Amino acid sequence: MNDAGPDLDTLVSLAKRRGFVWPASEIYGGLAGFYDLGPYGAQLARNIKEAWWNHFVKKRPNIYGLDSAIIQNPKLWEASGHVAGFNDPMVECQKCHTRYRQEQLDTSKPCENCGQTDSFGDSKTFNMMFKTSVGPVKGDDAAAYLRPETAGAIFADFDHVKEVTRAKLPFGIAQIGKAFRNEISPRDFIFRLRELEQMELEYFVYPQHAGQELSNMKQICWDWLTALGLNQANLSWYQHTEDERAHYAVDSWDINYAYPFGQKELWGIANRTDFDLQAHSKASGKELNYFDPETNTHITPYVIEPSIGVERLLLAVLHSAYYEEEVKGEKRVVLKFDAKLAPVQVAVLPLSKTDKLTPLAHQVYQRLNESVDGVVEYDETQSIGRRYRRQDEIGTPKCVTIDFESLNDQQVTIRERDTMEQKRVKIEELSKEVV
C-alpha cells in the first residue's frame, strides 16, 4: 500500500483512533472546517514547525522571525486587497440555502445536502474573511477581521524589522501562525479548513534578481520536503498560467502532492513583485523601501513568498509515512516517520506490570527522558505485542523493553520500528543507542 498510499478513510480512521486529529467539539456534533490535534498530532505539528523554523530561520543569518497579532487594523486588509478581493465564486441551493464553491459544483446534479434538483441560483462572490468587532460597541467603526493569512503583518512590520536588525538585501521575515478563512465548503479532512496554521516567509530581494531568487527558493523548498521523508513520487511542480496567477504575481508555482483525493497544492511559491510594499506605503503614508548604499538610492524590493499550511503538510506526512505489511499472518500498520518528526522518539515498555520490573523501568525512563531530545513515553498496559503494534501505529522509531533478565545483567532490548530487529544493550549505553 505504501506505493499508492492509503485512501482518505483509512487516514481519517487512524488519525482519530491513534490521537492525531479529530473533529473539534465532536461531542456536540462538530463544526465543519474545524479540527483538534490530539496528543500525537499536536506533537507531530510542533515537530514539523520546529523543523521549518530551524531550516528557514534559525540556520540562516539573513532571515528573521516574527509573531504578529491575529487581529490587525482593518486598513491593512483594505490596502492588501483582501476586503475587496478575497472572494470565492459561490452557488447557493435555493431550497436549503447550502452554499458551494462554484469550481467544486456540478449544477446538473442534485444538491448534496437536500437532494433537490434544479435548485441552484446564479453564481455570487463571497468574501472569506471572518468579520468581528473590537471593543464593547458594535458598528462599522469597530469592525475588524481575523487575519486570512499571516503575510499582511510582515509587510506592515517591514520597516521595524529592517531597522532593528540592520538587514541588508536580500533578507527575509518569517512567521508561523493561525489564519482564518470562512470557506464556503471545507472538505477533504484537514486539507481545506476554516481555521488553519501557516508557515510563511517573505524574502525581500533586488528587483533585478527576483527571477533567480525564485528559482533558488523553489529548490530550497523541494529539498526540504524530501528531507522530511515525503515520497518524491507524490510530489510535482505546477506553474500557474497567466489567468490563474494572483494579480500581484508575475510568476507563481505550486509544489503539488498526490493526496488520496487528487493532486493538490501543498506549497505555493510566488514572485509577488513590489505590490505589497507599494500598496501599504500608499495607504499608510509610510514609505516602506530600502536604501541601497551602492547606488545611493531608495528602492522598493520585490518579494519571493513560499507559503505552506501546517495541516496540509501534516496530512502529506501522514500519507507518506503510512505502510501496511503482513507479519506472521497478521497485518501490521506502521507510520515510518523521519525520526525528527516522530511524535514519540522512544517508548519504554516493561515486559509486564510487576513490582519487580516497574522500579527499573522507571529508572530507564527517567534516564532517557533526561538525555533524549524528544518525547519519551512509558507504557506498561496490555501485552508486549499489542504495545509494539500501538507504537508502530504512532510512528515511534525505537522501543526499549525491560524484562526479568534486565534485573540481573542490567541490559535492555531495543526494537527498531521499521525492521522490527531487536538487540540487547547495556542500560548505561542506552542513551547513545537511541538517538
Protein backbone atom coordinates (compact mmCIF):
# COMPACT_ATOMS: atom_id res chain seq x y z
CA MET A 1 0.00 0.00 0.00
CA ASN A 2 2.94 2.37 0.56
CA ASP A 3 3.43 2.96 -3.21
CA ALA A 4 -0.02 4.39 -3.90
CA GLY A 5 -0.63 5.32 -0.28
CA PRO A 6 -3.72 4.80 1.86
CA ASP A 7 -7.15 6.14 0.96
CA LEU A 8 -8.58 9.08 2.89
CA ASP A 9 -10.96 6.99 5.02
CA THR A 10 -8.01 4.90 6.23
CA LEU A 11 -6.05 8.01 7.22
CA VAL A 12 -9.03 9.63 8.94
CA SER A 13 -9.68 6.45 10.93
CA LEU A 14 -6.06 6.09 12.01
CA ALA A 15 -5.76 9.78 12.86
CA LYS A 16 -8.71 9.61 15.21
CA ARG A 17 -8.00 6.18 16.69
CA ARG A 18 -4.38 6.97 17.50
CA GLY A 19 -4.82 10.54 18.71
CA PHE A 20 -3.57 12.62 15.80
CA VAL A 21 -6.67 14.51 14.60
CA TRP A 22 -10.39 14.53 15.36
CA PRO A 23 -13.30 16.94 14.76
CA ALA A 24 -13.44 19.96 17.07
CA SER A 25 -16.26 19.90 19.66
CA GLU A 26 -17.25 16.45 18.43
CA ILE A 27 -19.46 15.76 21.44
CA TYR A 28 -21.75 18.50 20.08
CA GLY A 29 -21.66 17.25 16.51
CA GLY A 30 -18.52 19.12 15.46
CA LEU A 31 -18.28 22.18 13.21
CA ALA A 32 -17.31 21.95 9.55
CA GLY A 33 -13.81 23.14 8.80
CA PHE A 34 -12.50 22.92 12.37
CA TYR A 35 -10.37 20.11 13.81
CA ASP A 36 -8.44 19.47 17.00
CA LEU A 37 -4.98 17.95 17.07
CA GLY A 38 -4.77 15.19 19.67
CA PRO A 39 -1.67 14.39 21.76
CA TYR A 40 0.30 12.83 18.90
CA GLY A 41 -0.99 15.21 16.24
CA ALA A 42 -0.06 18.23 18.35
CA GLN A 43 3.47 16.90 18.83
CA LEU A 44 3.80 15.99 15.15
CA ALA A 45 2.70 19.51 14.17
CA ARG A 46 5.13 21.02 16.68
CA ASN A 47 7.98 18.93 15.24
CA ILE A 48 7.06 20.00 11.69
CA LYS A 49 7.03 23.66 12.70
CA GLU A 50 10.33 23.36 14.55
CA ALA A 51 11.91 21.66 11.53
CA TRP A 52 10.68 24.50 9.28
CA TRP A 53 11.80 27.21 11.71
CA ASN A 54 15.24 25.66 12.16
CA HIS A 55 15.77 25.33 8.41
CA PHE A 56 14.37 28.64 7.22
CA VAL A 57 15.07 30.95 10.17
CA LYS A 58 17.42 29.67 12.84
CA LYS A 59 20.14 28.42 10.49
CA ARG A 60 20.01 31.40 8.10
CA PRO A 61 21.77 34.66 9.03
CA ASN A 62 19.53 36.86 6.89
CA ILE A 63 16.03 35.63 7.83
CA TYR A 64 14.30 36.96 10.92
CA GLY A 65 11.32 35.70 12.88
CA LEU A 66 8.07 37.50 13.68
CA ASP A 67 4.99 36.70 15.75
CA SER A 68 2.27 39.20 14.89
CA ALA A 69 -1.24 39.75 16.22
CA ILE A 70 -4.12 37.84 14.67
CA ILE A 71 -6.26 40.99 14.57
CA GLN A 72 -4.72 43.99 12.83
CA ASN A 73 -6.03 47.43 11.90
CA PRO A 74 -8.67 46.76 9.21
CA LYS A 75 -6.97 49.33 6.96
CA LEU A 76 -4.20 46.76 6.48
CA TRP A 77 -6.64 44.37 4.78
CA GLU A 78 -8.11 47.16 2.70
CA ALA A 79 -4.65 48.08 1.41
CA SER A 80 -3.73 44.47 0.67
CA GLY A 81 -6.90 44.00 -1.38
CA HIS A 82 -8.46 41.38 0.90
CA VAL A 83 -11.55 43.42 1.79
CA ALA A 84 -12.43 43.98 -1.86
CA GLY A 85 -10.94 40.90 -3.47
CA PHE A 86 -10.62 37.95 -1.06
CA ASN A 87 -13.60 36.30 -2.68
CA ASP A 88 -14.68 32.93 -4.00
CA PRO A 89 -17.44 32.38 -6.56
CA MET A 90 -20.36 30.79 -4.69
CA VAL A 91 -23.52 29.00 -5.74
CA GLU A 92 -26.42 28.57 -3.29
CA CYS A 93 -29.17 25.95 -3.21
CA GLN A 94 -32.42 27.90 -3.24
CA LYS A 95 -34.22 25.23 -1.18
CA CYS A 96 -31.89 24.53 1.76
CA HIS A 97 -29.53 27.53 1.28
CA THR A 98 -26.40 25.37 1.37
CA ARG A 99 -23.50 27.19 -0.30
CA TYR A 100 -20.94 25.57 -2.58
CA ARG A 101 -17.74 26.73 -4.22
CA GLN A 102 -18.56 27.15 -7.89
CA GLU A 103 -15.46 25.26 -9.00
CA GLN A 104 -16.49 22.20 -6.99
CA LEU A 105 -20.14 22.07 -8.05
CA ASP A 106 -21.88 20.33 -10.93
CA THR A 107 -25.20 22.20 -11.09
CA SER A 108 -26.71 19.42 -13.20
CA LYS A 109 -26.62 17.13 -10.16
CA PRO A 110 -28.87 17.26 -7.06
CA CYS A 111 -27.86 19.27 -4.02
CA GLU A 112 -25.66 17.14 -1.75
CA ASN A 113 -27.50 18.40 1.33
CA CYS A 114 -31.20 18.20 0.45
CA GLY A 115 -31.26 16.22 -2.80
CA GLN A 116 -33.23 18.88 -4.65
CA THR A 117 -32.58 19.16 -8.39
CA ASP A 118 -32.52 22.34 -10.49
CA SER A 119 -32.34 24.44 -7.32
CA PHE A 120 -29.10 26.34 -7.78
CA GLY A 121 -29.13 30.09 -8.25
CA ASP A 122 -26.64 32.29 -10.06
CA SER A 123 -23.02 32.50 -9.02
CA LYS A 124 -22.18 35.21 -6.48
CA THR A 125 -18.98 36.37 -4.84
CA PHE A 126 -18.43 35.58 -1.17
CA ASN A 127 -15.76 37.26 0.97
CA MET A 128 -13.99 34.62 3.04
CA MET A 129 -12.70 36.82 5.85
CA PHE A 130 -14.17 36.37 9.32
CA LYS A 131 -15.51 39.73 10.47
CA THR A 132 -15.58 40.68 14.14
CA SER A 133 -15.71 43.83 16.24
CA VAL A 134 -13.19 45.36 18.61
CA GLY A 135 -14.38 46.94 21.85
CA PRO A 136 -17.74 46.91 23.63
CA VAL A 137 -19.74 48.66 20.88
CA LYS A 138 -20.62 47.04 17.58
CA GLY A 139 -20.67 49.02 14.38
CA ASP A 140 -18.68 49.93 11.32
CA ASP A 141 -16.17 51.89 13.41
CA ALA A 142 -15.41 48.80 15.50
CA ALA A 143 -15.22 46.35 12.59
CA ALA A 144 -12.12 44.18 12.32
CA TYR A 145 -11.14 40.87 10.77
CA LEU A 146 -9.44 37.67 11.79
CA ARG A 147 -6.42 37.55 9.52
CA PRO A 148 -6.86 35.44 6.39
CA GLU A 149 -3.09 34.94 6.09
CA THR A 150 -0.01 35.80 8.13
CA ALA A 151 1.85 37.77 5.47
CA GLY A 152 -0.02 41.06 5.94
CA ALA A 153 1.65 41.98 9.21
CA ILE A 154 5.06 41.05 7.81
CA PHE A 155 4.73 43.81 5.22
CA ALA A 156 3.36 46.25 7.80
CA ASP A 157 6.34 45.47 10.08
CA PHE A 158 8.91 45.62 7.27
CA ASP A 159 10.43 48.90 8.42
CA HIS A 160 10.64 47.85 12.07
CA VAL A 161 12.41 44.59 11.26
CA LYS A 162 14.75 46.27 8.77
CA GLU A 163 15.79 48.91 11.32
CA VAL A 164 16.29 46.72 14.40
CA THR A 165 18.20 44.00 12.54
CA ARG A 166 20.10 46.37 10.19
CA ALA A 167 19.25 43.87 7.47
CA LYS A 168 20.78 44.14 4.00
CA LEU A 169 19.14 42.86 0.84
CA PRO A 170 18.37 40.08 0.31
CA PHE A 171 16.72 39.29 3.65
CA GLY A 172 13.56 37.58 4.84
CA ILE A 173 10.91 37.81 7.53
CA ALA A 174 9.27 34.56 8.59
CA GLN A 175 6.24 33.71 10.68
CA ILE A 176 4.24 30.71 11.84
CA GLY A 177 0.70 31.41 12.94
CA LYS A 178 -3.03 30.92 12.72
CA ALA A 179 -5.12 32.16 9.81
CA PHE A 180 -8.88 32.08 9.33
CA ARG A 181 -10.87 31.64 6.14
CA ASN A 182 -14.63 31.33 6.04
CA GLU A 183 -14.51 28.64 3.38
CA ILE A 184 -17.78 28.04 1.56
CA SER A 185 -17.39 24.26 1.62
CA PRO A 186 -14.46 22.95 3.70
CA ARG A 187 -13.64 19.38 2.76
CA ASP A 188 -11.02 16.66 2.35
CA PHE A 189 -10.36 16.25 6.08
CA ILE A 190 -7.73 18.80 7.18
CA PHE A 191 -6.80 19.92 3.65
CA ARG A 192 -9.30 22.80 3.35
CA LEU A 193 -10.06 24.35 6.73
CA ARG A 194 -11.64 27.44 8.21
CA GLU A 195 -9.01 27.67 10.94
CA LEU A 196 -5.51 26.78 9.80
CA GLU A 197 -1.88 27.42 10.57
CA GLN A 198 0.61 28.79 8.07
CA MET A 199 4.38 28.83 7.77
CA GLU A 200 5.17 31.84 5.62
CA LEU A 201 8.35 33.56 4.52
CA GLU A 202 8.57 36.90 2.74
CA TYR A 203 12.02 37.14 1.14
CA PHE A 204 12.90 40.69 0.06
CA VAL A 205 15.26 40.90 -2.92
CA TYR A 206 16.61 43.29 -5.53
CA PRO A 207 14.04 43.51 -8.35
CA GLN A 208 16.61 42.51 -10.97
CA HIS A 209 17.44 39.34 -9.01
CA ALA A 210 13.86 38.21 -8.39
CA GLY A 211 13.76 35.58 -11.15
CA GLN A 212 16.89 33.82 -9.91
CA GLU A 213 15.83 34.14 -6.28
CA LEU A 214 12.52 32.46 -7.14
CA SER A 215 14.39 29.56 -8.76
CA ASN A 216 16.64 29.26 -5.71
CA MET A 217 13.68 29.27 -3.33
CA LYS A 218 11.87 26.59 -5.32
CA GLN A 219 14.86 24.28 -4.97
CA ILE A 220 15.25 25.02 -1.25
CA CYS A 221 11.59 24.18 -0.61
CA TRP A 222 11.68 20.97 -2.68
CA ASP A 223 14.83 19.74 -0.94
CA TRP A 224 13.36 20.43 2.49
CA LEU A 225 10.21 18.43 1.75
CA THR A 226 12.15 15.42 0.52
CA ALA A 227 14.45 15.63 3.56
CA LEU A 228 11.32 15.32 5.74
CA GLY A 229 10.69 11.90 4.20
CA LEU A 230 7.86 12.78 1.80
CA ASN A 231 7.56 10.34 -1.07
CA GLN A 232 9.08 12.11 -4.09
CA ALA A 233 6.83 10.13 -6.41
CA ASN A 234 3.89 12.05 -4.90
CA LEU A 235 5.47 15.49 -5.43
CA SER A 236 5.24 17.52 -8.62
CA TRP A 237 5.56 21.09 -9.88
CA TYR A 238 2.75 23.17 -11.31
CA GLN A 239 3.25 26.63 -12.81
CA HIS A 240 0.24 28.94 -12.70
CA THR A 241 -0.95 30.25 -16.02
CA GLU A 242 -1.37 33.99 -16.50
CA ASP A 243 -5.10 33.88 -15.80
CA GLU A 244 -4.56 31.72 -12.68
CA ARG A 245 -1.95 33.92 -11.00
CA ALA A 246 -2.86 36.43 -8.35
CA HIS A 247 -2.94 39.97 -9.73
CA TYR A 248 0.24 40.91 -7.85
CA ALA A 249 2.36 37.97 -9.05
CA VAL A 250 4.48 37.77 -12.20
CA ASP A 251 5.34 34.12 -11.63
CA SER A 252 3.81 31.55 -9.31
CA TRP A 253 4.48 27.86 -8.72
CA ASP A 254 2.92 25.15 -6.58
CA ILE A 255 4.50 22.03 -5.22
CA ASN A 256 1.60 19.63 -5.57
CA TYR A 257 1.16 16.46 -3.53
CA ALA A 258 -0.76 13.39 -4.68
CA TYR A 259 -3.29 13.25 -1.84
CA PRO A 260 -5.89 10.46 -1.80
CA PHE A 261 -8.34 12.96 -3.34
CA GLY A 262 -6.02 14.06 -6.14
CA GLN A 263 -3.07 16.29 -6.99
CA LYS A 264 -3.47 19.40 -4.83
CA GLU A 265 -1.40 22.37 -3.78
CA LEU A 266 0.90 21.71 -0.84
CA TRP A 267 3.26 24.70 -1.09
CA GLY A 268 2.84 27.92 -3.05
CA ILE A 269 5.95 29.85 -4.11
CA ALA A 270 5.45 33.19 -5.86
CA ASN A 271 7.20 36.31 -7.07
CA ARG A 272 4.87 38.94 -5.60
CA THR A 273 6.84 41.85 -7.13
CA ASP A 274 6.76 45.07 -5.08
CA PHE A 275 2.96 45.12 -4.89
CA ASP A 276 2.63 44.73 -1.13
CA LEU A 277 5.18 47.29 -0.02
CA GLN A 278 3.90 49.78 -2.58
CA ALA A 279 0.27 49.24 -1.55
CA HIS A 280 0.97 49.65 2.16
CA SER A 281 3.19 52.67 1.54
CA LYS A 282 0.41 54.39 -0.37
CA ALA A 283 -2.35 53.50 2.11
CA SER A 284 -0.42 54.29 5.29
CA GLY A 285 1.64 57.25 4.13
CA LYS A 286 4.75 55.49 5.46
CA GLU A 287 7.44 54.85 2.85
CA LEU A 288 8.35 51.16 3.02
CA ASN A 289 11.51 50.97 0.97
CA TYR A 290 15.19 50.14 1.19
CA PHE A 291 18.19 52.45 0.86
CA ASP A 292 20.76 50.86 -1.41
CA PRO A 293 24.22 52.11 -0.36
CA GLU A 294 25.80 51.03 -3.65
CA THR A 295 23.53 53.15 -5.85
CA ASN A 296 22.71 55.74 -3.17
CA THR A 297 19.01 55.41 -3.99
CA HIS A 298 15.84 54.16 -2.33
CA ILE A 299 14.27 51.10 -3.95
CA THR A 300 11.18 49.03 -3.26
CA PRO A 301 12.26 45.38 -3.01
CA TYR A 302 10.49 42.56 -4.76
CA VAL A 303 9.19 39.71 -2.62
CA ILE A 304 9.59 35.96 -3.07
CA GLU A 305 7.00 34.18 -0.96
CA PRO A 306 6.93 30.48 -0.09
CA SER A 307 3.74 29.75 1.90
CA ILE A 308 2.71 26.36 3.25
CA GLY A 309 -0.07 25.20 5.56
CA VAL A 310 0.88 23.14 8.60
CA GLU A 311 -2.21 20.93 8.32
CA ARG A 312 -1.71 20.25 4.61
CA LEU A 313 1.88 19.24 5.29
CA LEU A 314 0.86 17.14 8.30
CA LEU A 315 -1.62 15.28 6.09
CA ALA A 316 1.05 14.70 3.44
CA VAL A 317 3.49 13.47 6.11
CA LEU A 318 0.91 11.02 7.46
CA HIS A 319 0.13 9.81 3.95
CA SER A 320 3.79 9.31 3.00
CA ALA A 321 4.63 7.57 6.28
CA TYR A 322 1.75 5.05 6.17
CA TYR A 323 2.74 1.44 5.45
CA GLU A 324 0.92 -1.85 5.68
CA GLU A 325 2.61 -5.24 5.67
CA GLU A 326 1.92 -8.80 6.72
CA VAL A 327 3.85 -10.17 9.69
CA LYS A 328 3.24 -13.78 10.72
CA GLY A 329 -0.12 -13.80 9.02
CA GLU A 330 -1.29 -10.54 10.58
CA LYS A 331 -1.48 -7.03 9.16
CA ARG A 332 0.99 -4.58 10.64
CA VAL A 333 0.33 -0.87 10.22
CA VAL A 334 3.32 1.39 10.76
CA LEU A 335 3.97 5.10 10.32
CA LYS A 336 7.56 5.37 9.12
CA PHE A 337 8.12 9.00 10.10
CA ASP A 338 11.51 10.56 9.77
CA ALA A 339 12.90 10.34 13.30
CA LYS A 340 12.96 14.13 13.80
CA LEU A 341 9.20 14.30 13.12
CA ALA A 342 8.03 11.29 15.14
CA PRO A 343 5.69 12.39 17.98
CA VAL A 344 7.34 9.88 20.32
CA GLN A 345 11.05 9.24 19.98
CA VAL A 346 11.36 6.31 22.38
CA ALA A 347 8.86 4.12 24.21
CA VAL A 348 9.85 2.39 27.45
CA LEU A 349 7.96 -0.89 27.85
CA PRO A 350 8.43 -3.17 30.84
CA LEU A 351 7.65 -6.73 29.80
CA SER A 352 4.88 -6.87 32.38
CA LYS A 353 3.46 -4.72 35.13
CA THR A 354 5.07 -6.17 38.26
CA ASP A 355 6.65 -4.82 41.40
CA LYS A 356 9.95 -6.38 40.29
CA LEU A 357 10.20 -4.69 36.87
CA THR A 358 8.49 -1.35 37.48
CA PRO A 359 11.26 0.32 39.56
CA LEU A 360 13.96 -0.47 36.99
CA ALA A 361 11.67 0.51 34.12
CA HIS A 362 11.05 3.89 35.75
CA GLN A 363 14.80 4.38 36.16
CA VAL A 364 15.34 3.68 32.46
CA TYR A 365 12.51 6.05 31.57
CA GLN A 366 13.99 8.82 33.70
CA ARG A 367 17.45 8.31 32.19
CA LEU A 368 16.09 8.57 28.65
CA ASN A 369 13.78 11.46 29.47
CA GLU A 370 16.79 13.49 30.57
CA SER A 371 19.01 12.61 27.60
CA VAL A 372 16.74 12.21 24.55
CA ASP A 373 15.81 15.32 22.58
CA GLY A 374 12.18 14.41 22.09
CA VAL A 375 9.23 12.74 23.78
CA VAL A 376 9.80 9.54 25.76
CA GLU A 377 6.67 7.53 26.53
CA TYR A 378 6.15 4.96 29.27
CA ASP A 379 3.60 2.19 28.74
CA GLU A 380 3.06 -0.91 30.89
CA THR A 381 -0.53 -1.83 29.96
CA GLN A 382 -1.57 -4.75 27.67
CA SER A 383 0.62 -7.47 26.19
CA ILE A 384 4.03 -6.51 24.83
CA GLY A 385 2.91 -7.45 21.30
CA ARG A 386 -0.05 -5.07 21.40
CA ARG A 387 2.11 -2.32 22.80
CA TYR A 388 4.60 -2.80 19.95
CA ARG A 389 1.76 -2.52 17.43
CA ARG A 390 0.46 0.64 19.09
CA GLN A 391 3.89 2.25 18.95
CA ASP A 392 4.20 1.21 15.29
CA GLU A 393 0.92 2.98 14.52
CA ILE A 394 2.01 6.24 16.12
CA GLY A 395 5.41 6.01 14.41
CA THR A 396 7.78 5.55 17.38
CA PRO A 397 11.26 4.77 15.94
CA LYS A 398 12.53 2.72 18.90
CA CYS A 399 11.06 0.74 21.77
CA VAL A 400 13.04 -0.23 24.86
CA THR A 401 11.87 -3.35 26.68
CA ILE A 402 12.83 -4.20 30.26
CA ASP A 403 12.49 -7.89 31.08
CA PHE A 404 13.36 -10.12 34.02
CA GLU A 405 16.88 -10.74 32.72
CA SER A 406 17.42 -6.98 32.93
CA LEU A 407 17.33 -7.27 36.73
CA ASN A 408 20.46 -9.42 36.62
CA ASP A 409 22.50 -8.24 33.60
CA GLN A 410 21.46 -4.55 33.56
CA GLN A 411 20.68 -4.81 29.86
CA VAL A 412 17.54 -3.99 27.93
CA THR A 413 16.20 -4.81 24.45
CA ILE A 414 15.94 -2.14 21.75
CA ARG A 415 13.40 -2.84 19.00
CA GLU A 416 13.63 -0.96 15.69
CA ARG A 417 10.32 0.23 14.23
CA ASP A 418 11.00 -0.30 10.53
CA THR A 419 12.82 -3.64 10.63
CA MET A 420 11.46 -4.97 13.95
CA GLU A 421 15.02 -6.14 14.68
CA GLN A 422 15.99 -6.38 18.34
CA LYS A 423 19.28 -6.16 20.17
CA ARG A 424 20.45 -6.16 23.77
CA VAL A 425 22.37 -3.16 25.10
CA LYS A 426 23.65 -2.11 28.49
CA ILE A 427 21.50 0.39 30.31
CA GLU A 428 24.48 2.68 30.80
CA GLU A 429 24.97 2.83 27.00
CA LEU A 430 21.27 3.18 26.19
CA SER A 431 21.14 6.94 25.63
CA LYS A 432 23.63 6.95 22.76
CA GLU A 433 21.95 3.92 21.18
CA VAL A 434 18.51 5.51 20.84
CA VAL A 435 19.45 8.96 19.49
